[in-house]
Amino acid sequence: QVQLVESGGGLVQAGGSLKLSCAASGNIFIFNGMGWFRQATGKQRELVASISRGGSTDYVDSVKGRFTISRDNAKNTVYLQMSRLNAEDTAVYYCAARPPLINEYRIWGQGTQVTVSS
């Protein structure tokens, strides 16, 4: 099974930027879609951004205009460029993938912490 490994998290000041990477151990083109989720302390995990096999993207309203999801099939990597970060963006960010013929995110990375200081 393909494994996902996130990187790029860290501590950033409010208004700053970070770029998360999700490296897959195999070919990501097989997946119906990939997404970035986040879970803040005491809150439910939410889907922040998603990208389809064809490259269509979708975002939760709270990050529209600030976050950009992209994929590099040649590198088997998905990115999340985050800008104008604020304290509400503090969370553990997870990369996930939807396997073929399955309309659910079934493959998950271990997560990377993003902390925004105000």
Protein backbone atom coordinates (compact mmCIF):
# COMPACT_ATOMS: atom_id res chain seq x y z
CA GLN A 1 0.00 0.00 0.00
CA VAL A 2 1.16 3.51 -0.81
CA GLN A 3 2.34 5.48 2.20
CA LEU A 4 2.07 9.25 2.63
CA VAL A 5 4.59 11.38 4.51
CA GLU A 6 3.93 15.03 5.31
CA SER A 7 6.57 17.65 5.92
CA GLY A 8 6.93 21.41 6.10
CA GLY A 9 5.02 22.17 9.26
CA GLY A 10 6.38 24.44 11.96
CA LEU A 11 5.96 27.65 13.90
CA VAL A 12 5.13 30.82 11.98
CA GLN A 13 3.96 34.28 12.90
CA ALA A 14 0.51 35.46 12.00
CA GLY A 15 0.47 36.78 8.46
CA GLY A 16 3.26 34.46 7.41
CA SER A 17 3.40 31.56 4.98
CA LEU A 18 4.23 27.86 4.99
CA LYS A 19 4.31 25.19 2.32
CA LEU A 20 3.41 21.66 3.26
CA SER A 21 4.48 18.67 1.21
CA CYS A 22 2.99 15.20 1.05
CA ALA A 23 5.31 12.66 -0.51
CA ALA A 24 3.85 9.34 -1.60
CA SER A 25 5.79 6.10 -1.76
CA GLY A 26 4.04 5.23 -5.02
CA ASN A 27 2.22 6.67 -8.01
CA ILE A 28 -0.35 9.23 -6.87
CA PHE A 29 -2.04 9.30 -10.27
CA ILE A 30 -3.90 6.12 -9.33
CA PHE A 31 -5.83 7.97 -6.65
CA ASN A 32 -9.22 9.46 -7.42
CA GLY A 33 -8.22 12.46 -5.38
CA MET A 34 -6.01 13.73 -2.62
CA GLY A 35 -6.67 16.14 0.16
CA TRP A 36 -5.32 18.06 3.09
CA PHE A 37 -7.18 17.82 6.38
CA ARG A 38 -6.51 19.56 9.65
CA GLN A 39 -7.47 18.95 13.22
CA ALA A 40 -7.14 21.58 15.90
CA THR A 41 -7.11 20.68 19.57
CA GLY A 42 -10.62 19.93 20.74
CA LYS A 43 -12.10 20.20 17.26
CA GLN A 44 -13.18 17.76 14.61
CA ARG A 45 -10.97 17.05 11.67
CA GLU A 46 -11.94 19.05 8.61
CA LEU A 47 -11.13 18.83 4.93
CA VAL A 48 -9.22 21.99 4.04
CA ALA A 49 -8.39 21.44 0.38
CA SER A 50 -8.71 18.71 -2.20
CA ILE A 51 -7.45 18.03 -5.68
CA SER A 52 -8.83 15.52 -8.15
CA ARG A 53 -6.90 13.29 -10.48
CA GLY A 54 -7.70 15.77 -13.21
CA GLY A 55 -6.47 18.71 -11.19
CA SER A 56 -9.75 20.24 -10.07
CA THR A 57 -9.44 21.85 -6.66
CA ASP A 58 -11.80 22.69 -3.83
CA TYR A 59 -11.34 24.56 -0.56
CA VAL A 60 -13.16 25.12 2.67
CA ASP A 61 -14.43 28.69 2.82
CA SER A 62 -12.11 29.72 5.64
CA VAL A 63 -8.98 29.20 3.51
CA LYS A 64 -10.18 30.29 0.07
CA GLY A 65 -7.84 32.87 -1.37
CA ARG A 66 -5.12 32.00 1.16
CA PHE A 67 -4.31 28.33 0.56
CA THR A 68 -3.42 26.59 -2.69
CA ILE A 69 -3.29 22.85 -3.23
CA SER A 70 -1.26 21.44 -6.08
CA ARG A 71 0.21 18.18 -7.23
CA ASP A 72 3.35 17.07 -9.05
CA ASN A 73 2.63 13.62 -10.46
CA ALA A 74 6.24 13.20 -11.59
CA LYS A 75 7.41 13.63 -7.99
CA ASN A 76 4.40 11.82 -6.48
CA THR A 77 3.93 14.80 -4.22
CA VAL A 78 1.02 17.01 -3.23
CA TYR A 79 1.56 20.47 -1.79
CA LEU A 80 -0.38 22.92 0.31
CA GLN A 81 0.83 26.48 0.02
CA MET A 82 -0.54 28.49 2.94
CA SER A 83 -0.35 32.25 3.18
CA ARG A 84 -1.75 34.96 5.44
CA LEU A 85 -1.85 32.46 8.25
CA ASN A 86 -3.73 33.25 11.42
CA ALA A 87 -4.09 31.63 14.82
CA GLU A 88 -7.19 29.73 13.69
CA ASP A 89 -5.02 27.84 11.20
CA THR A 90 -3.10 26.21 14.06
CA ALA A 91 -3.65 22.47 13.80
CA VAL A 92 -2.15 19.16 12.83
CA TYR A 93 -2.35 18.88 9.06
CA TYR A 94 -2.85 15.50 7.42
CA CYS A 95 -2.50 14.41 3.84
CA ALA A 96 -4.93 11.77 2.60
CA ALA A 97 -5.79 9.89 -0.56
CA ARG A 98 -8.88 8.29 -2.07
CA PRO A 99 -8.01 4.92 -3.62
CA PRO A 100 -9.47 3.86 -6.98
CA LEU A 101 -13.17 2.93 -6.93
CA ILE A 102 -13.51 4.18 -3.36
CA ASN A 103 -15.08 7.54 -2.64
CA GLU A 104 -13.53 7.88 0.78
CA TYR A 105 -10.16 8.97 2.06
CA ARG A 106 -8.61 5.71 3.13
CA ILE A 107 -4.87 6.37 3.09
CA TRP A 108 -3.46 8.85 5.62
CA GLY A 109 -0.16 10.38 6.53
CA GLN A 110 1.06 10.79 10.08
CA GLY A 111 0.43 14.54 10.18
CA THR A 112 2.53 17.64 10.59
CA GLN A 113 2.00 20.37 13.19
CA VAL A 114 1.38 23.94 12.09
CA THR A 115 1.43 26.56 14.83
CA VAL A 116 0.64 30.19 14.11
CA SER A 117 1.65 32.68 16.78
CA SER A 118 -0.34 35.87 17.11
